[in-house]
Amino acid sequence: MAEDMTIASYLSQGGVLTSPTNVPPRYRAELLKLMATFVDSELAGAAGFADVINEGPGIKERIAAAKIVLEKTDNADRVLKIMGEFGADTARYVTHHPWTQRVERDAELGSTRSEHDMRLAVFNYPLEGWADAVMMNLLMGRAVTVQLSEFAMVSYQPLAEAFRAIAPIEAHHAELALEGATKLKAEGQTEALQASARYWWPRVAESFGKAESAKFESLREIGLRRSTNADLRARWEAEARAVLEQLGVSPD
């Protein structure tokens, strides 16, 4: 960075930061919010999925589910360590929130966050059985893959590198979900998959936020966003619909 250039100008021109030192207050706040949302969503998602491990119809499915729980927790830890570099009390952080807490199945949260943590609203809903868990993981797995393609380009280099390492792990989770859903279809459970697709589709869609975000431009200027919420959601919808079509399922 040139000596006469402000950090804001540096970031607006595509510059990257590599340590918490001299990070502007607004940048720090937005970066911590991004990290907290990811960490909380991973921990809440892992906690919810852990409850259905033993509902897997076979050993292979239970191993896959247990692996997903382990890897999501590990992904959260990877980003939580970066939060710790910014002063977050990582030990208290993990034990302070009720990660297994869920709302009623028919609650209407929209994009409202939990009063307890920063998890995406979709992770406040309970899973109902194996087919439901597989479909939620399928749709949300595709959403996470799209979102990580955005996060992997953030201007805080250590976080961008962490997200690039996490991306293929999360993509594999979506692949495992498709494998599980394909098996359920072959076993004649298309109707259950259909019901779950209709339930989870609007809730996963809400995880992309409002189509028009007042903060988007300011986040773009500091390198924390590139694509709009609407663009990311449209990409997810196209990819997710294509996957559902393979299963003979519709979100409508």
C-alpha atoms as a PDB file:
ATOM      1  CA  MET A   1       0.000   0.000   0.000  1.00  0.00           C
ATOM      2  CA  ALA A   2       1.346   3.434  -0.947  1.00  0.00           C
ATOM      3  CA  GLU A   3       2.285   5.639   2.012  1.00  0.00           C
ATOM      4  CA  ASP A   4      -0.147   8.375   0.995  1.00  0.00           C
ATOM      5  CA  MET A   5      -3.091   5.999   0.483  1.00  0.00           C
ATOM      6  CA  THR A   6      -5.769   5.479   3.135  1.00  0.00           C
ATOM      7  CA  ILE A   7      -6.775   1.951   4.066  1.00  0.00           C
ATOM      8  CA  ALA A   8     -10.255   2.640   2.702  1.00  0.00           C
ATOM      9  CA  SER A   9      -8.838   3.664  -0.674  1.00  0.00           C
ATOM     10  CA  TYR A  10      -6.509   0.671  -0.656  1.00  0.00           C
ATOM     11  CA  LEU A  11      -9.381  -1.719  -0.040  1.00  0.00           C
ATOM     12  CA  SER A  12     -11.615  -0.057  -2.641  1.00  0.00           C
ATOM     13  CA  GLN A  13      -8.920  -0.702  -5.230  1.00  0.00           C
ATOM     14  CA  GLY A  14      -8.733  -4.406  -4.459  1.00  0.00           C
ATOM     15  CA  GLY A  15      -6.160  -4.381  -1.683  1.00  0.00           C
ATOM     16  CA  VAL A  16      -6.069  -7.050   1.035  1.00  0.00           C
ATOM     17  CA  LEU A  17      -5.328  -6.986   4.752  1.00  0.00           C
ATOM     18  CA  THR A  18      -3.363  -9.723   6.490  1.00  0.00           C
ATOM     19  CA  SER A  19      -3.593  -9.048  10.240  1.00  0.00           C
ATOM     20  CA  PRO A  20      -5.877  -7.376  12.808  1.00  0.00           C
ATOM     21  CA  THR A  21      -3.348  -4.549  13.217  1.00  0.00           C
ATOM     22  CA  ASN A  22      -4.716  -1.170  12.065  1.00  0.00           C
ATOM     23  CA  VAL A  23      -7.927  -2.683  10.720  1.00  0.00           C
ATOM     24  CA  PRO A  24     -10.519   0.142  10.555  1.00  0.00           C
ATOM     25  CA  PRO A  25     -13.317  -0.147  13.161  1.00  0.00           C
ATOM     26  CA  ARG A  26     -16.132  -0.490  10.603  1.00  0.00           C
ATOM     27  CA  TYR A  27     -14.187  -3.118   8.668  1.00  0.00           C
ATOM     28  CA  ARG A  28     -13.482  -5.020  11.875  1.00  0.00           C
ATOM     29  CA  ALA A  29     -17.158  -4.975  12.867  1.00  0.00           C
ATOM     30  CA  GLU A  30     -18.355  -6.239   9.487  1.00  0.00           C
ATOM     31  CA  LEU A  31     -15.638  -8.880   9.315  1.00  0.00           C
ATOM     32  CA  LEU A  32     -16.504 -10.194  12.772  1.00  0.00           C
ATOM     33  CA  LYS A  33     -20.191 -10.275  11.817  1.00  0.00           C
ATOM     34  CA  LEU A  34     -19.368 -12.324   8.718  1.00  0.00           C
ATOM     35  CA  MET A  35     -17.238 -14.747  10.713  1.00  0.00           C
ATOM     36  CA  ALA A  36     -19.769 -15.052  13.534  1.00  0.00           C
ATOM     37  CA  THR A  37     -22.568 -15.820  11.081  1.00  0.00           C
ATOM     38  CA  PHE A  38     -20.504 -18.589   9.506  1.00  0.00           C
ATOM     39  CA  VAL A  39     -19.263 -20.073  12.794  1.00  0.00           C
ATOM     40  CA  ASP A  40     -22.680 -19.973  14.452  1.00  0.00           C
ATOM     41  CA  SER A  41     -24.382 -21.483  11.415  1.00  0.00           C
ATOM     42  CA  GLU A  42     -21.844 -24.308  11.212  1.00  0.00           C
ATOM     43  CA  LEU A  43     -22.102 -25.114  14.926  1.00  0.00           C
ATOM     44  CA  ALA A  44     -25.903 -24.927  14.943  1.00  0.00           C
ATOM     45  CA  GLY A  45     -26.081 -26.980  11.745  1.00  0.00           C
ATOM     46  CA  ALA A  46     -23.747 -29.610  13.168  1.00  0.00           C
ATOM     47  CA  ALA A  47     -25.730 -29.772  16.401  1.00  0.00           C
ATOM     48  CA  GLY A  48     -28.990 -30.275  14.544  1.00  0.00           C
ATOM     49  CA  PHE A  49     -27.593 -32.920  12.237  1.00  0.00           C
ATOM     50  CA  ALA A  50     -26.003 -34.777  15.142  1.00  0.00           C
ATOM     51  CA  ASP A  51     -29.496 -35.508  16.454  1.00  0.00           C
ATOM     52  CA  VAL A  52     -30.421 -37.507  13.340  1.00  0.00           C
ATOM     53  CA  ILE A  53     -27.242 -39.573  12.931  1.00  0.00           C
ATOM     54  CA  ASN A  54     -28.874 -42.664  14.377  1.00  0.00           C
ATOM     55  CA  GLU A  55     -31.882 -42.255  12.106  1.00  0.00           C
ATOM     56  CA  GLY A  56     -29.672 -43.103   9.140  1.00  0.00           C
ATOM     57  CA  PRO A  57     -31.005 -46.271   7.477  1.00  0.00           C
ATOM     58  CA  GLY A  58     -27.620 -47.966   7.398  1.00  0.00           C
ATOM     59  CA  ILE A  59     -24.056 -47.845   8.712  1.00  0.00           C
ATOM     60  CA  LYS A  60     -22.794 -46.032   5.603  1.00  0.00           C
ATOM     61  CA  GLU A  61     -25.366 -43.273   6.044  1.00  0.00           C
ATOM     62  CA  ARG A  62     -24.594 -42.914   9.736  1.00  0.00           C
ATOM     63  CA  ILE A  63     -20.870 -42.666   9.038  1.00  0.00           C
ATOM     64  CA  ALA A  64     -21.534 -39.985   6.411  1.00  0.00           C
ATOM     65  CA  ALA A  65     -23.732 -38.032   8.824  1.00  0.00           C
ATOM     66  CA  ALA A  66     -21.166 -38.288  11.621  1.00  0.00           C
ATOM     67  CA  LYS A  67     -18.458 -37.097   9.234  1.00  0.00           C
ATOM     68  CA  ILE A  68     -20.544 -34.090   8.264  1.00  0.00           C
ATOM     69  CA  VAL A  69     -21.011 -33.183  11.934  1.00  0.00           C
ATOM     70  CA  LEU A  70     -17.283 -33.529  12.579  1.00  0.00           C
ATOM     71  CA  GLU A  71     -16.241 -31.514   9.540  1.00  0.00           C
ATOM     72  CA  LYS A  72     -18.744 -28.705  10.111  1.00  0.00           C
ATOM     73  CA  THR A  73     -17.473 -28.377  13.658  1.00  0.00           C
ATOM     74  CA  ASP A  74     -13.896 -28.331  12.373  1.00  0.00           C
ATOM     75  CA  ASN A  75     -14.807 -25.690   9.770  1.00  0.00           C
ATOM     76  CA  ALA A  76     -16.293 -23.543  12.526  1.00  0.00           C
ATOM     77  CA  ASP A  77     -13.126 -23.954  14.579  1.00  0.00           C
ATOM     78  CA  ARG A  78     -10.957 -22.855  11.651  1.00  0.00           C
ATOM     79  CA  VAL A  79     -12.801 -19.533  11.378  1.00  0.00           C
ATOM     80  CA  LEU A  80     -13.228 -19.171  15.142  1.00  0.00           C
ATOM     81  CA  LYS A  81      -9.445 -19.153  15.501  1.00  0.00           C
ATOM     82  CA  ILE A  82      -9.318 -16.109  13.232  1.00  0.00           C
ATOM     83  CA  MET A  83     -12.011 -14.473  15.377  1.00  0.00           C
ATOM     84  CA  GLY A  84      -9.770 -15.147  18.347  1.00  0.00           C
ATOM     85  CA  GLU A  85      -7.051 -13.053  16.733  1.00  0.00           C
ATOM     86  CA  PHE A  86      -9.489 -10.152  16.889  1.00  0.00           C
ATOM     87  CA  GLY A  87     -10.073 -10.682  20.609  1.00  0.00           C
ATOM     88  CA  ALA A  88     -13.043 -13.041  20.658  1.00  0.00           C
ATOM     89  CA  ASP A  89     -13.209 -15.272  23.736  1.00  0.00           C
ATOM     90  CA  THR A  90     -13.261 -18.501  21.764  1.00  0.00           C
ATOM     91  CA  ALA A  91     -13.529 -20.832  24.769  1.00  0.00           C
ATOM     92  CA  ARG A  92     -16.625 -19.095  26.168  1.00  0.00           C
ATOM     93  CA  TYR A  93     -18.015 -18.550  22.680  1.00  0.00           C
ATOM     94  CA  VAL A  94     -18.542 -22.222  21.947  1.00  0.00           C
ATOM     95  CA  THR A  95     -20.098 -23.100  25.307  1.00  0.00           C
ATOM     96  CA  HIS A  96     -22.254 -19.980  25.722  1.00  0.00           C
ATOM     97  CA  HIS A  97     -24.839 -20.565  22.983  1.00  0.00           C
ATOM     98  CA  PRO A  98     -27.607 -23.213  22.947  1.00  0.00           C
ATOM     99  CA  TRP A  99     -26.653 -24.667  19.574  1.00  0.00           C
ATOM    100  CA  THR A 100     -29.349 -27.344  19.675  1.00  0.00           C
ATOM    101  CA  GLN A 101     -32.190 -24.907  20.368  1.00  0.00           C
ATOM    102  CA  ARG A 102     -34.886 -24.822  17.674  1.00  0.00           C
ATOM    103  CA  VAL A 103     -38.198 -23.046  17.081  1.00  0.00           C
ATOM    104  CA  GLU A 104     -41.480 -24.717  16.186  1.00  0.00           C
ATOM    105  CA  ARG A 105     -41.490 -26.316  12.754  1.00  0.00           C
ATOM    106  CA  ASP A 106     -44.194 -23.943  11.442  1.00  0.00           C
ATOM    107  CA  ALA A 107     -42.675 -20.750  12.866  1.00  0.00           C
ATOM    108  CA  GLU A 108     -42.266 -17.896  10.400  1.00  0.00           C
ATOM    109  CA  LEU A 109     -38.856 -16.340  11.013  1.00  0.00           C
ATOM    110  CA  GLY A 110     -38.097 -14.967   7.559  1.00  0.00           C
ATOM    111  CA  SER A 111     -34.471 -13.859   7.732  1.00  0.00           C
ATOM    112  CA  THR A 112     -34.686 -12.980  11.448  1.00  0.00           C
ATOM    113  CA  ARG A 113     -31.680 -14.126  13.452  1.00  0.00           C
ATOM    114  CA  SER A 114     -31.835 -16.034  16.699  1.00  0.00           C
ATOM    115  CA  GLU A 115     -31.841 -13.997  19.900  1.00  0.00           C
ATOM    116  CA  HIS A 116     -29.032 -16.250  21.128  1.00  0.00           C
ATOM    117  CA  ASP A 117     -26.487 -16.125  18.306  1.00  0.00           C
ATOM    118  CA  MET A 118     -25.775 -15.130  14.705  1.00  0.00           C
ATOM    119  CA  ARG A 119     -26.815 -18.355  12.983  1.00  0.00           C
ATOM    120  CA  LEU A 120     -28.767 -17.980   9.755  1.00  0.00           C
ATOM    121  CA  ALA A 121     -32.508 -18.261  10.417  1.00  0.00           C
ATOM    122  CA  VAL A 122     -32.732 -21.586   8.572  1.00  0.00           C
ATOM    123  CA  PHE A 123     -30.692 -23.240  11.330  1.00  0.00           C
ATOM    124  CA  ASN A 124     -33.392 -22.434  13.889  1.00  0.00           C
ATOM    125  CA  TYR A 125     -35.778 -24.981  12.368  1.00  0.00           C
ATOM    126  CA  PRO A 126     -35.839 -28.623  13.516  1.00  0.00           C
ATOM    127  CA  LEU A 127     -35.206 -31.619  11.286  1.00  0.00           C
ATOM    128  CA  GLU A 128     -37.914 -34.269  11.087  1.00  0.00           C
ATOM    129  CA  GLY A 129     -36.434 -37.624  10.210  1.00  0.00           C
ATOM    130  CA  TRP A 130     -33.791 -38.867   7.838  1.00  0.00           C
ATOM    131  CA  ALA A 131     -35.338 -37.845   4.507  1.00  0.00           C
ATOM    132  CA  ASP A 132     -35.955 -34.346   5.845  1.00  0.00           C
ATOM    133  CA  ALA A 133     -32.351 -34.056   7.050  1.00  0.00           C
ATOM    134  CA  VAL A 134     -31.026 -35.247   3.692  1.00  0.00           C
ATOM    135  CA  MET A 135     -33.133 -32.708   1.769  1.00  0.00           C
ATOM    136  CA  MET A 136     -32.193 -29.841   4.076  1.00  0.00           C
ATOM    137  CA  ASN A 137     -28.526 -30.764   3.724  1.00  0.00           C
ATOM    138  CA  LEU A 138     -28.914 -30.998  -0.044  1.00  0.00           C
ATOM    139  CA  LEU A 139     -30.480 -27.558  -0.462  1.00  0.00           C
ATOM    140  CA  MET A 140     -28.417 -25.801   2.193  1.00  0.00           C
ATOM    141  CA  GLY A 141     -25.257 -27.526   0.993  1.00  0.00           C
ATOM    142  CA  ARG A 142     -25.787 -25.956  -2.434  1.00  0.00           C
ATOM    143  CA  ALA A 143     -26.432 -22.584  -0.800  1.00  0.00           C
ATOM    144  CA  VAL A 144     -23.244 -22.793   1.272  1.00  0.00           C
ATOM    145  CA  THR A 145     -21.245 -23.685  -1.846  1.00  0.00           C
ATOM    146  CA  VAL A 146     -22.540 -20.552  -3.574  1.00  0.00           C
ATOM    147  CA  GLN A 147     -21.932 -18.378  -0.526  1.00  0.00           C
ATOM    148  CA  LEU A 148     -18.402 -19.685  -0.032  1.00  0.00           C
ATOM    149  CA  SER A 149     -17.524 -18.772  -3.618  1.00  0.00           C
ATOM    150  CA  GLU A 150     -18.224 -15.201  -2.518  1.00  0.00           C
ATOM    151  CA  PHE A 151     -16.534 -15.416   0.886  1.00  0.00           C
ATOM    152  CA  ALA A 152     -13.385 -16.947  -0.606  1.00  0.00           C
ATOM    153  CA  MET A 153     -12.656 -13.562  -2.193  1.00  0.00           C
ATOM    154  CA  VAL A 154     -12.979 -11.320   0.872  1.00  0.00           C
ATOM    155  CA  SER A 155     -10.253  -8.754   1.399  1.00  0.00           C
ATOM    156  CA  TYR A 156      -9.065 -10.203   4.716  1.00  0.00           C
ATOM    157  CA  GLN A 157      -6.561 -12.693   3.356  1.00  0.00           C
ATOM    158  CA  PRO A 158      -6.387 -15.183   6.273  1.00  0.00           C
ATOM    159  CA  LEU A 159     -10.178 -15.535   6.192  1.00  0.00           C
ATOM    160  CA  ALA A 160     -10.298 -15.841   2.412  1.00  0.00           C
ATOM    161  CA  GLU A 161      -7.729 -18.640   2.613  1.00  0.00           C
ATOM    162  CA  ALA A 162      -9.742 -20.384   5.333  1.00  0.00           C
ATOM    163  CA  PHE A 163     -12.892 -20.228   3.230  1.00  0.00           C
ATOM    164  CA  ARG A 164     -11.053 -21.574   0.187  1.00  0.00           C
ATOM    165  CA  ALA A 165      -9.924 -24.553   2.270  1.00  0.00           C
ATOM    166  CA  ILE A 166     -13.446 -25.072   3.641  1.00  0.00           C
ATOM    167  CA  ALA A 167     -15.235 -24.811   0.277  1.00  0.00           C
ATOM    168  CA  PRO A 168     -14.429 -28.312  -1.079  1.00  0.00           C
ATOM    169  CA  ILE A 169     -15.381 -29.883   2.252  1.00  0.00           C
ATOM    170  CA  GLU A 170     -18.795 -28.228   2.202  1.00  0.00           C
ATOM    171  CA  ALA A 171     -19.232 -29.102  -1.481  1.00  0.00           C
ATOM    172  CA  HIS A 172     -18.647 -32.743  -0.577  1.00  0.00           C
ATOM    173  CA  HIS A 173     -21.392 -32.526   2.047  1.00  0.00           C
ATOM    174  CA  ALA A 174     -23.802 -31.478  -0.691  1.00  0.00           C
ATOM    175  CA  GLU A 175     -22.608 -34.420  -2.798  1.00  0.00           C
ATOM    176  CA  LEU A 176     -23.259 -36.822   0.091  1.00  0.00           C
ATOM    177  CA  ALA A 177     -26.743 -35.362   0.444  1.00  0.00           C
ATOM    178  CA  LEU A 178     -27.452 -35.938  -3.246  1.00  0.00           C
ATOM    179  CA  GLU A 179     -26.209 -39.505  -2.916  1.00  0.00           C
ATOM    180  CA  GLY A 180     -28.499 -40.034   0.054  1.00  0.00           C
ATOM    181  CA  ALA A 181     -31.477 -38.448  -1.693  1.00  0.00           C
ATOM    182  CA  THR A 182     -30.912 -40.554  -4.799  1.00  0.00           C
ATOM    183  CA  LYS A 183     -30.987 -43.676  -2.649  1.00  0.00           C
ATOM    184  CA  LEU A 184     -34.183 -42.543  -0.946  1.00  0.00           C
ATOM    185  CA  LYS A 185     -35.793 -41.964  -4.328  1.00  0.00           C
ATOM    186  CA  ALA A 186     -34.808 -45.478  -5.424  1.00  0.00           C
ATOM    187  CA  GLU A 187     -36.469 -46.793  -2.266  1.00  0.00           C
ATOM    188  CA  GLY A 188     -39.736 -45.090  -3.170  1.00  0.00           C
ATOM    189  CA  GLN A 189     -39.502 -42.115  -0.834  1.00  0.00           C
ATOM    190  CA  THR A 190     -39.979 -39.432  -3.478  1.00  0.00           C
ATOM    191  CA  GLU A 191     -43.099 -38.152  -1.712  1.00  0.00           C
ATOM    192  CA  ALA A 192     -41.158 -37.529   1.509  1.00  0.00           C
ATOM    193  CA  LEU A 193     -38.405 -35.769  -0.426  1.00  0.00           C
ATOM    194  CA  GLN A 194     -41.016 -33.658  -2.198  1.00  0.00           C
ATOM    195  CA  ALA A 195     -42.612 -32.549   1.071  1.00  0.00           C
ATOM    196  CA  SER A 196     -39.228 -31.653   2.555  1.00  0.00           C
ATOM    197  CA  ALA A 197     -38.154 -29.777  -0.579  1.00  0.00           C
ATOM    198  CA  ARG A 198     -41.236 -27.590  -0.365  1.00  0.00           C
ATOM    199  CA  TYR A 199     -40.606 -26.967   3.335  1.00  0.00           C
ATOM    200  CA  TRP A 200     -36.909 -26.134   3.123  1.00  0.00           C
ATOM    201  CA  TRP A 201     -36.764 -24.259  -0.193  1.00  0.00           C
ATOM    202  CA  PRO A 202     -38.129 -20.888   1.033  1.00  0.00           C
ATOM    203  CA  ARG A 203     -36.202 -21.136   4.298  1.00  0.00           C
ATOM    204  CA  VAL A 204     -32.887 -21.798   2.575  1.00  0.00           C
ATOM    205  CA  ALA A 205     -33.647 -19.028   0.070  1.00  0.00           C
ATOM    206  CA  GLU A 206     -33.998 -16.592   2.986  1.00  0.00           C
ATOM    207  CA  SER A 207     -30.372 -17.288   3.950  1.00  0.00           C
ATOM    208  CA  PHE A 208     -29.258 -15.057   1.060  1.00  0.00           C
ATOM    209  CA  GLY A 209     -30.873 -12.038   2.682  1.00  0.00           C
ATOM    210  CA  LYS A 210     -32.929  -9.304   1.091  1.00  0.00           C
ATOM    211  CA  ALA A 211     -32.560  -8.867  -2.662  1.00  0.00           C
ATOM    212  CA  GLU A 212     -31.716  -5.199  -2.210  1.00  0.00           C
ATOM    213  CA  SER A 213     -29.261  -4.643   0.620  1.00  0.00           C
ATOM    214  CA  ALA A 214     -28.577  -1.074   1.719  1.00  0.00           C
ATOM    215  CA  LYS A 215     -25.141  -2.144   2.967  1.00  0.00           C
ATOM    216  CA  PHE A 216     -24.005  -3.915  -0.180  1.00  0.00           C
ATOM    217  CA  GLU A 217     -22.189  -0.986  -1.757  1.00  0.00           C
ATOM    218  CA  SER A 218     -20.297  -0.093   1.420  1.00  0.00           C
ATOM    219  CA  LEU A 219     -19.263  -3.740   1.861  1.00  0.00           C
ATOM    220  CA  ARG A 220     -18.180  -3.931  -1.776  1.00  0.00           C
ATOM    221  CA  GLU A 221     -15.979  -0.871  -1.301  1.00  0.00           C
ATOM    222  CA  ILE A 222     -14.027  -2.555   1.485  1.00  0.00           C
ATOM    223  CA  GLY A 223     -13.747  -5.869  -0.314  1.00  0.00           C
ATOM    224  CA  LEU A 224     -16.164  -7.884   1.801  1.00  0.00           C
ATOM    225  CA  ARG A 225     -18.740  -8.375  -0.958  1.00  0.00           C
ATOM    226  CA  ARG A 226     -18.696  -8.711  -4.732  1.00  0.00           C
ATOM    227  CA  SER A 227     -21.972 -10.241  -5.836  1.00  0.00           C
ATOM    228  CA  THR A 228     -25.400  -8.999  -4.738  1.00  0.00           C
ATOM    229  CA  ASN A 229     -27.749 -11.102  -2.636  1.00  0.00           C
ATOM    230  CA  ALA A 230     -30.060 -11.371  -5.634  1.00  0.00           C
ATOM    231  CA  ASP A 231     -27.281 -12.668  -7.888  1.00  0.00           C
ATOM    232  CA  LEU A 232     -26.166 -15.270  -5.344  1.00  0.00           C
ATOM    233  CA  ARG A 233     -29.730 -16.419  -4.756  1.00  0.00           C
ATOM    234  CA  ALA A 234     -30.399 -16.698  -8.490  1.00  0.00           C
ATOM    235  CA  ARG A 235     -27.309 -18.852  -8.915  1.00  0.00           C
ATOM    236  CA  TRP A 236     -28.398 -21.112  -6.057  1.00  0.00           C
ATOM    237  CA  GLU A 237     -31.940 -21.413  -7.396  1.00  0.00           C
ATOM    238  CA  ALA A 238     -30.687 -22.501 -10.819  1.00  0.00           C
ATOM    239  CA  GLU A 239     -28.279 -25.073  -9.393  1.00  0.00           C
ATOM    240  CA  ALA A 240     -30.692 -26.379  -6.762  1.00  0.00           C
ATOM    241  CA  ARG A 241     -33.592 -26.729  -9.209  1.00  0.00           C
ATOM    242  CA  ALA A 242     -31.373 -28.728 -11.552  1.00  0.00           C
ATOM    243  CA  VAL A 243     -30.487 -31.108  -8.714  1.00  0.00           C
ATOM    244  CA  LEU A 244     -34.103 -31.485  -7.632  1.00  0.00           C
ATOM    245  CA  GLU A 245     -35.102 -32.280 -11.205  1.00  0.00           C
ATOM    246  CA  GLN A 246     -32.713 -35.245 -11.104  1.00  0.00           C
ATOM    247  CA  LEU A 247     -34.743 -36.532  -8.166  1.00  0.00           C
ATOM    248  CA  GLY A 248     -38.129 -35.890  -9.782  1.00  0.00           C
ATOM    249  CA  VAL A 249     -38.846 -33.280  -7.096  1.00  0.00           C
ATOM    250  CA  SER A 250     -40.018 -29.670  -7.338  1.00  0.00           C
ATOM    251  CA  PRO A 251     -39.735 -26.869  -4.755  1.00  0.00           C
ATOM    252  CA  ASP A 252     -43.074 -25.417  -5.904  1.00  0.00           C
END
